[in-house]
Amino acid sequence: MFRKIVVAYNESPESERAFVAAIKLAKSLNAELLTVTAMVDLPAYTAFAQVADSGIVRTLEEDRLKFYTKLQEKARAQLANSGIGFHSYLVEGHGVEAIVEFLRQQKADLLVLGLHQRDLHIARLWSTVYELAQDAPCSVLGVH
């Protein structure tokens, strides 16, 4: 049923738990596993910093790419010798929209998300995870 499993992957502990669960699920189903990471845009104040140092934006972009590349390498290292078909992807743009578009393009069967531990029910209604669960064009598995 689930042949292509996608994990929304970032540096959060919730995402790490979702990734571990997705690995186990992919192994048991003999499914392909993909991670997708929405790269966060540089903050707006970098435009002001550019006035003081014209090369700062380039440096910050390089640092941002290094950060996300290391994150992908961490995921690959966890899957070394697992026998699972694995690919990792970086997407840019508004996080939810970029990931939903990625899911459509990849024809994903299942999106695995890490759920945040929050006390207030209302806080969940505005979370990125909630938006992804509502907009995903495939089944969604939330992991605590």
C-alpha atoms as a PDB file:
ATOM      1  CA  MET A   1       0.000   0.000   0.000  1.00  0.00           C
ATOM      2  CA  PHE A   2       2.708   2.508   0.983  1.00  0.00           C
ATOM      3  CA  ARG A   3       5.493   2.239  -1.599  1.00  0.00           C
ATOM      4  CA  LYS A   4       6.868   5.779  -1.295  1.00  0.00           C
ATOM      5  CA  ILE A   5       7.157   7.218   2.207  1.00  0.00           C
ATOM      6  CA  VAL A   6       8.191  10.835   2.741  1.00  0.00           C
ATOM      7  CA  VAL A   7       9.366  12.301   6.039  1.00  0.00           C
ATOM      8  CA  ALA A   8       9.210  16.038   6.673  1.00  0.00           C
ATOM      9  CA  TYR A   9      12.709  16.334   8.103  1.00  0.00           C
ATOM     10  CA  ASN A  10      14.410  19.155   9.957  1.00  0.00           C
ATOM     11  CA  GLU A  11      16.609  19.627  13.014  1.00  0.00           C
ATOM     12  CA  SER A  12      13.805  19.216  15.580  1.00  0.00           C
ATOM     13  CA  PRO A  13      13.535  16.257  17.967  1.00  0.00           C
ATOM     14  CA  GLU A  14       9.982  15.673  16.693  1.00  0.00           C
ATOM     15  CA  SER A  15      11.290  15.291  13.173  1.00  0.00           C
ATOM     16  CA  GLU A  16      13.975  12.884  14.361  1.00  0.00           C
ATOM     17  CA  ARG A  17      11.348  10.674  16.013  1.00  0.00           C
ATOM     18  CA  ALA A  18       9.291  10.713  12.814  1.00  0.00           C
ATOM     19  CA  PHE A  19      12.372   9.751  10.797  1.00  0.00           C
ATOM     20  CA  VAL A  20      13.149   6.769  13.052  1.00  0.00           C
ATOM     21  CA  ALA A  21       9.533   5.584  12.803  1.00  0.00           C
ATOM     22  CA  ALA A  22       9.570   6.017   9.017  1.00  0.00           C
ATOM     23  CA  ILE A  23      12.746   3.938   8.738  1.00  0.00           C
ATOM     24  CA  LYS A  24      11.095   1.077  10.607  1.00  0.00           C
ATOM     25  CA  LEU A  25       7.946   1.370   8.509  1.00  0.00           C
ATOM     26  CA  ALA A  26       9.878   1.507   5.230  1.00  0.00           C
ATOM     27  CA  LYS A  27      11.845  -1.592   6.216  1.00  0.00           C
ATOM     28  CA  SER A  28       8.727  -3.542   7.127  1.00  0.00           C
ATOM     29  CA  LEU A  29       6.927  -2.535   3.913  1.00  0.00           C
ATOM     30  CA  ASN A  30       9.972  -2.687   1.659  1.00  0.00           C
ATOM     31  CA  ALA A  31       9.151   0.892   0.660  1.00  0.00           C
ATOM     32  CA  GLU A  32      11.256   3.729  -0.693  1.00  0.00           C
ATOM     33  CA  LEU A  33      12.025   6.443   1.876  1.00  0.00           C
ATOM     34  CA  LEU A  34      12.483  10.116   1.084  1.00  0.00           C
ATOM     35  CA  THR A  35      13.175  13.054   3.337  1.00  0.00           C
ATOM     36  CA  VAL A  36      12.102  16.544   2.398  1.00  0.00           C
ATOM     37  CA  THR A  37      13.395  19.619   4.158  1.00  0.00           C
ATOM     38  CA  ALA A  38      11.972  23.075   3.590  1.00  0.00           C
ATOM     39  CA  MET A  39      14.855  25.502   3.818  1.00  0.00           C
ATOM     40  CA  VAL A  40      14.050  28.512   5.946  1.00  0.00           C
ATOM     41  CA  ASP A  41      14.552  31.856   4.231  1.00  0.00           C
ATOM     42  CA  LEU A  42      17.170  34.227   5.544  1.00  0.00           C
ATOM     43  CA  PRO A  43      15.683  36.764   7.955  1.00  0.00           C
ATOM     44  CA  ALA A  44      14.545  40.093   6.542  1.00  0.00           C
ATOM     45  CA  TYR A  45      17.159  41.996   8.518  1.00  0.00           C
ATOM     46  CA  THR A  46      19.903  40.552   6.307  1.00  0.00           C
ATOM     47  CA  ALA A  47      19.008  43.290   3.814  1.00  0.00           C
ATOM     48  CA  PHE A  48      20.139  45.850   6.414  1.00  0.00           C
ATOM     49  CA  ALA A  49      23.301  43.885   7.154  1.00  0.00           C
ATOM     50  CA  GLN A  50      24.117  43.921   3.448  1.00  0.00           C
ATOM     51  CA  VAL A  51      24.490  47.695   3.623  1.00  0.00           C
ATOM     52  CA  ALA A  52      27.311  47.296   6.146  1.00  0.00           C
ATOM     53  CA  ASP A  53      28.917  44.319   4.387  1.00  0.00           C
ATOM     54  CA  SER A  54      28.025  43.591   0.767  1.00  0.00           C
ATOM     55  CA  GLY A  55      29.232  39.975   1.016  1.00  0.00           C
ATOM     56  CA  ILE A  56      27.213  39.072   4.106  1.00  0.00           C
ATOM     57  CA  VAL A  57      24.211  37.688   2.222  1.00  0.00           C
ATOM     58  CA  ARG A  58      26.408  35.358   0.185  1.00  0.00           C
ATOM     59  CA  THR A  59      28.136  34.180   3.367  1.00  0.00           C
ATOM     60  CA  LEU A  60      24.811  33.608   5.123  1.00  0.00           C
ATOM     61  CA  GLU A  61      23.441  31.695   2.111  1.00  0.00           C
ATOM     62  CA  GLU A  62      26.543  29.484   2.080  1.00  0.00           C
ATOM     63  CA  ASP A  63      26.163  28.835   5.818  1.00  0.00           C
ATOM     64  CA  ARG A  64      22.493  28.020   5.350  1.00  0.00           C
ATOM     65  CA  LEU A  65      23.272  25.524   2.595  1.00  0.00           C
ATOM     66  CA  LYS A  66      26.034  23.920   4.700  1.00  0.00           C
ATOM     67  CA  PHE A  67      23.599  23.528   7.604  1.00  0.00           C
ATOM     68  CA  TYR A  68      21.004  21.757   5.456  1.00  0.00           C
ATOM     69  CA  THR A  69      23.629  19.643   3.699  1.00  0.00           C
ATOM     70  CA  LYS A  70      24.886  18.415   7.094  1.00  0.00           C
ATOM     71  CA  LEU A  71      21.317  17.618   8.077  1.00  0.00           C
ATOM     72  CA  GLN A  72      20.914  15.497   4.945  1.00  0.00           C
ATOM     73  CA  GLU A  73      24.231  13.755   5.614  1.00  0.00           C
ATOM     74  CA  LYS A  74      23.030  12.900   9.112  1.00  0.00           C
ATOM     75  CA  ALA A  75      19.943  11.235   7.635  1.00  0.00           C
ATOM     76  CA  ARG A  76      22.031   9.304   5.107  1.00  0.00           C
ATOM     77  CA  ALA A  77      24.365   8.100   7.862  1.00  0.00           C
ATOM     78  CA  GLN A  78      21.416   6.712   9.837  1.00  0.00           C
ATOM     79  CA  LEU A  79      20.364   4.700   6.800  1.00  0.00           C
ATOM     80  CA  ALA A  80      23.767   3.363   5.809  1.00  0.00           C
ATOM     81  CA  ASN A  81      23.568  -0.429   5.474  1.00  0.00           C
ATOM     82  CA  SER A  82      19.787  -0.417   5.957  1.00  0.00           C
ATOM     83  CA  GLY A  83      18.976  -1.720   2.498  1.00  0.00           C
ATOM     84  CA  ILE A  84      16.230   0.893   2.105  1.00  0.00           C
ATOM     85  CA  GLY A  85      15.986   2.935  -1.079  1.00  0.00           C
ATOM     86  CA  PHE A  86      16.606   6.473   0.186  1.00  0.00           C
ATOM     87  CA  HIS A  87      16.761  10.002  -1.225  1.00  0.00           C
ATOM     88  CA  SER A  88      16.828  13.362   0.504  1.00  0.00           C
ATOM     89  CA  TYR A  89      15.589  16.633  -0.928  1.00  0.00           C
ATOM     90  CA  LEU A  90      15.746  20.311  -0.075  1.00  0.00           C
ATOM     91  CA  VAL A  91      12.902  22.585  -1.142  1.00  0.00           C
ATOM     92  CA  GLU A  92      12.618  26.354  -1.003  1.00  0.00           C
ATOM     93  CA  GLY A  93       9.587  28.527  -0.607  1.00  0.00           C
ATOM     94  CA  HIS A  94       6.841  28.678   1.994  1.00  0.00           C
ATOM     95  CA  GLY A  95       7.349  25.473   3.993  1.00  0.00           C
ATOM     96  CA  VAL A  96       3.867  23.982   3.734  1.00  0.00           C
ATOM     97  CA  GLU A  97       3.274  24.874   0.098  1.00  0.00           C
ATOM     98  CA  ALA A  98       6.735  23.683  -0.955  1.00  0.00           C
ATOM     99  CA  ILE A  99       6.337  20.342   0.813  1.00  0.00           C
ATOM    100  CA  VAL A 100       2.809  19.790  -0.520  1.00  0.00           C
ATOM    101  CA  GLU A 101       4.048  20.469  -4.054  1.00  0.00           C
ATOM    102  CA  PHE A 102       6.947  18.064  -3.459  1.00  0.00           C
ATOM    103  CA  LEU A 103       4.493  15.361  -2.336  1.00  0.00           C
ATOM    104  CA  ARG A 104       2.481  15.841  -5.528  1.00  0.00           C
ATOM    105  CA  GLN A 105       5.542  15.714  -7.764  1.00  0.00           C
ATOM    106  CA  GLN A 106       6.880  12.602  -6.075  1.00  0.00           C
ATOM    107  CA  LYS A 107       3.462  10.909  -5.985  1.00  0.00           C
ATOM    108  CA  ALA A 108       4.037  10.090  -2.333  1.00  0.00           C
ATOM    109  CA  ASP A 109       1.833   7.499  -0.639  1.00  0.00           C
ATOM    110  CA  LEU A 110       2.504   8.550   2.958  1.00  0.00           C
ATOM    111  CA  LEU A 111       3.817  11.636   4.740  1.00  0.00           C
ATOM    112  CA  VAL A 112       5.329  11.046   8.183  1.00  0.00           C
ATOM    113  CA  LEU A 113       5.351  14.038  10.521  1.00  0.00           C
ATOM    114  CA  GLY A 114       6.731  14.568  13.997  1.00  0.00           C
ATOM    115  CA  LEU A 115       4.063  15.869  16.358  1.00  0.00           C
ATOM    116  CA  HIS A 116       4.909  18.598  18.830  1.00  0.00           C
ATOM    117  CA  GLN A 117       4.122  18.101  22.479  1.00  0.00           C
ATOM    118  CA  ARG A 118       1.997  21.133  23.306  1.00  0.00           C
ATOM    119  CA  ASP A 119      -0.318  21.832  26.187  1.00  0.00           C
ATOM    120  CA  LEU A 120      -2.763  24.080  24.392  1.00  0.00           C
ATOM    121  CA  HIS A 121      -5.102  22.536  21.856  1.00  0.00           C
ATOM    122  CA  ILE A 122      -5.527  25.887  20.109  1.00  0.00           C
ATOM    123  CA  ALA A 123      -1.753  26.144  19.493  1.00  0.00           C
ATOM    124  CA  ARG A 124      -1.931  23.014  17.350  1.00  0.00           C
ATOM    125  CA  LEU A 125      -4.427  24.626  15.024  1.00  0.00           C
ATOM    126  CA  TRP A 126      -1.853  27.115  13.755  1.00  0.00           C
ATOM    127  CA  SER A 127       1.118  24.810  13.502  1.00  0.00           C
ATOM    128  CA  THR A 128       2.959  23.894  10.322  1.00  0.00           C
ATOM    129  CA  VAL A 129       2.354  20.230  11.102  1.00  0.00           C
ATOM    130  CA  TYR A 130      -1.398  20.787  11.235  1.00  0.00           C
ATOM    131  CA  GLU A 131      -1.318  22.683   7.920  1.00  0.00           C
ATOM    132  CA  LEU A 132       0.688  19.897   6.289  1.00  0.00           C
ATOM    133  CA  ALA A 133      -1.709  17.267   7.570  1.00  0.00           C
ATOM    134  CA  GLN A 134      -4.648  19.212   6.145  1.00  0.00           C
ATOM    135  CA  ASP A 135      -3.098  19.946   2.742  1.00  0.00           C
ATOM    136  CA  ALA A 136      -1.129  16.765   2.011  1.00  0.00           C
ATOM    137  CA  PRO A 137      -2.311  14.929  -1.125  1.00  0.00           C
ATOM    138  CA  CYS A 138      -1.551  11.584   0.531  1.00  0.00           C
ATOM    139  CA  SER A 139      -2.063   9.727   3.790  1.00  0.00           C
ATOM    140  CA  VAL A 140      -0.405  11.245   6.875  1.00  0.00           C
ATOM    141  CA  LEU A 141       1.136   9.551   9.891  1.00  0.00           C
ATOM    142  CA  GLY A 142       1.822  11.657  12.977  1.00  0.00           C
ATOM    143  CA  VAL A 143       4.512  10.400  15.349  1.00  0.00           C
ATOM    144  CA  HIS A 144       4.854  11.389  19.016  1.00  0.00           C
END
